[in-house]
Each structure stands twice: as C-alpha cells, then as structure tokens.
Amino acid sequence: MTSLTIELPEMPRIQKVIVTDDTLSADLSDGRTISVPLAWYPRLLQGSIEERNDWRLIGSGSGIHWHQLDEDVSLKNLILGQPSGESQKSFQRWLSSRLVAFP
C-alpha cells in the first residue's frame, strides 16, 4: 500500500500592515497582499488613525497586535477570511470603557 504525502510550503509571514478608514491590508513574505474590510474588526473600526497605526507584529509575523485597542489579528484568520470572533457583549463593554476614558 502506498500513501500520498503532501508537503505544505512554509507559512508566509506578515511584513507590512496598512490600515485605512475601511480596509486592513497585510503584505506577506510570499508576495501576496491580503485586504479585508475593517468592519470585520470593530475595535479597529472604532479606533483613531493614531491608534490604528500603533501596531506591532507578533509571533514572528504570524499576527498583528494593537496595544491601545487591545486587538490581535492572526495571519491565519486573514488568510481564511475569518472576521473577529469577539462577542457583541464583550465589544459593547470595551466600547463603554472607551467612552468613559475618552468622553
């Protein structure tokens, strides 16, 4: 009996991130650029330009972290087209805390 083994290429890494008013884009090490609607990530959508641009790569480029917005987005979710999994209740609690902190 023979078996088929498929070798997957190495997972690409995020190299650059651009956040506009309506889009999150990530340039990858394999030459692709993945863009998703910013509406998929409500915390980013609610953030100021300064907060959106205050990101850092995590996991050697396998994710993005926004400290001021307490948001993490993984490359895997971008590739698979999966929006934020945060519950509406959690988001509303976070949004309420921002309104108190930044009236």
Protein backbone atom coordinates (compact mmCIF):
# COMPACT_ATOMS: atom_id res chain seq x y z
CA MET A 1 0.00 0.00 0.00
CA THR A 2 1.26 3.47 -0.82
CA SER A 3 0.36 6.72 0.78
CA LEU A 4 0.43 10.20 -0.60
CA THR A 5 2.28 12.78 1.41
CA ILE A 6 1.75 16.41 0.61
CA GLU A 7 4.37 18.81 1.83
CA LEU A 8 2.97 22.21 2.57
CA PRO A 9 5.10 25.25 1.92
CA GLU A 10 6.26 27.30 4.85
CA MET A 11 3.59 29.65 6.17
CA PRO A 12 4.21 33.20 4.95
CA ARG A 13 4.78 36.00 7.44
CA ILE A 14 3.31 39.47 7.64
CA GLN A 15 5.84 42.10 6.62
CA LYS A 16 3.81 45.30 6.46
CA VAL A 17 0.40 46.44 7.67
CA ILE A 18 -1.73 49.27 6.31
CA VAL A 19 -4.98 50.36 7.92
CA THR A 20 -7.26 52.81 6.10
CA ASP A 21 -10.71 54.06 7.05
CA ASP A 22 -12.29 50.92 5.60
CA THR A 23 -9.58 48.31 4.97
CA LEU A 24 -6.94 46.27 6.80
CA SER A 25 -4.18 45.14 4.43
CA ALA A 26 -1.19 42.92 5.13
CA ASP A 27 1.76 42.46 2.79
CA LEU A 28 3.11 38.91 3.11
CA SER A 29 6.58 37.46 2.70
CA ASP A 30 5.41 35.38 -0.29
CA GLY A 31 4.43 38.47 -2.28
CA ARG A 32 0.70 38.42 -1.60
CA THR A 33 -1.29 41.28 -0.12
CA ILE A 34 -4.41 40.34 1.79
CA SER A 35 -7.06 43.01 2.33
CA VAL A 36 -10.17 42.63 4.45
CA PRO A 37 -12.94 45.04 5.44
CA LEU A 38 -12.13 47.00 8.58
CA ALA A 39 -15.73 46.34 9.67
CA TRP A 40 -14.62 42.76 10.42
CA TYR A 41 -12.68 44.18 13.38
CA PRO A 42 -14.96 46.59 15.26
CA ARG A 43 -12.24 47.74 17.65
CA LEU A 44 -10.09 48.84 14.73
CA LEU A 45 -13.11 50.48 13.12
CA GLN A 46 -13.71 52.50 16.31
CA GLY A 47 -10.04 53.41 16.72
CA SER A 48 -8.48 56.71 15.77
CA ILE A 49 -5.93 56.93 12.97
CA GLU A 50 -3.18 57.14 15.58
CA GLU A 51 -4.47 54.04 17.40
CA ARG A 52 -4.83 52.07 14.15
CA ASN A 53 -1.28 52.93 13.14
CA ASP A 54 0.13 51.88 16.53
CA TRP A 55 0.55 48.18 15.69
CA ARG A 56 3.35 45.67 16.05
CA LEU A 57 3.95 42.23 14.58
CA ILE A 58 3.69 39.30 16.99
CA GLY A 59 4.69 35.66 16.67
CA SER A 60 7.48 36.40 14.17
CA GLY A 61 4.96 37.91 11.77
CA SER A 62 2.11 35.45 12.30
CA GLY A 63 -0.12 38.12 13.81
CA ILE A 64 -0.69 41.81 14.46
CA HIS A 65 -1.27 43.45 17.85
CA TRP A 66 -2.75 46.88 18.58
CA HIS A 67 -1.91 47.69 22.20
CA GLN A 68 -4.10 50.79 22.52
CA LEU A 69 -7.13 48.97 21.10
CA ASP A 70 -6.44 45.62 22.82
CA GLU A 71 -6.85 43.84 19.48
CA ASP A 72 -4.98 40.93 17.92
CA VAL A 73 -5.46 39.65 14.37
CA SER A 74 -3.80 36.45 13.20
CA LEU A 75 -2.48 35.84 9.71
CA LYS A 76 -4.40 32.56 9.71
CA ASN A 77 -7.70 34.42 10.18
CA LEU A 78 -6.79 36.88 7.43
CA ILE A 79 -5.96 34.07 5.01
CA LEU A 80 -9.12 32.13 5.91
CA GLY A 81 -11.30 35.25 5.72
CA GLN A 82 -12.48 35.00 9.32
CA PRO A 83 -13.65 38.21 10.99
CA SER A 84 -13.31 38.97 14.69
CA GLY A 85 -14.83 36.35 16.95
CA GLU A 86 -15.45 38.84 19.76
CA SER A 87 -18.97 38.69 21.17
CA GLN A 88 -21.20 41.73 20.89
CA LYS A 89 -21.41 41.85 24.69
CA SER A 90 -17.61 41.98 25.04
CA PHE A 91 -17.33 44.63 22.33
CA GLN A 92 -20.02 46.79 23.95
CA ARG A 93 -18.24 46.53 27.32
CA TRP A 94 -14.97 47.64 25.67
CA LEU A 95 -16.72 50.46 23.80
CA SER A 96 -18.37 51.68 27.02
CA SER A 97 -14.99 51.78 28.77
CA ARG A 98 -13.62 53.94 25.91
CA LEU A 99 -16.49 56.37 26.20
CA VAL A 100 -15.72 56.82 29.90
CA ALA A 101 -11.97 57.20 29.28
CA PHE A 102 -12.37 59.46 26.20
CA PRO A 103 -15.58 61.45 26.65
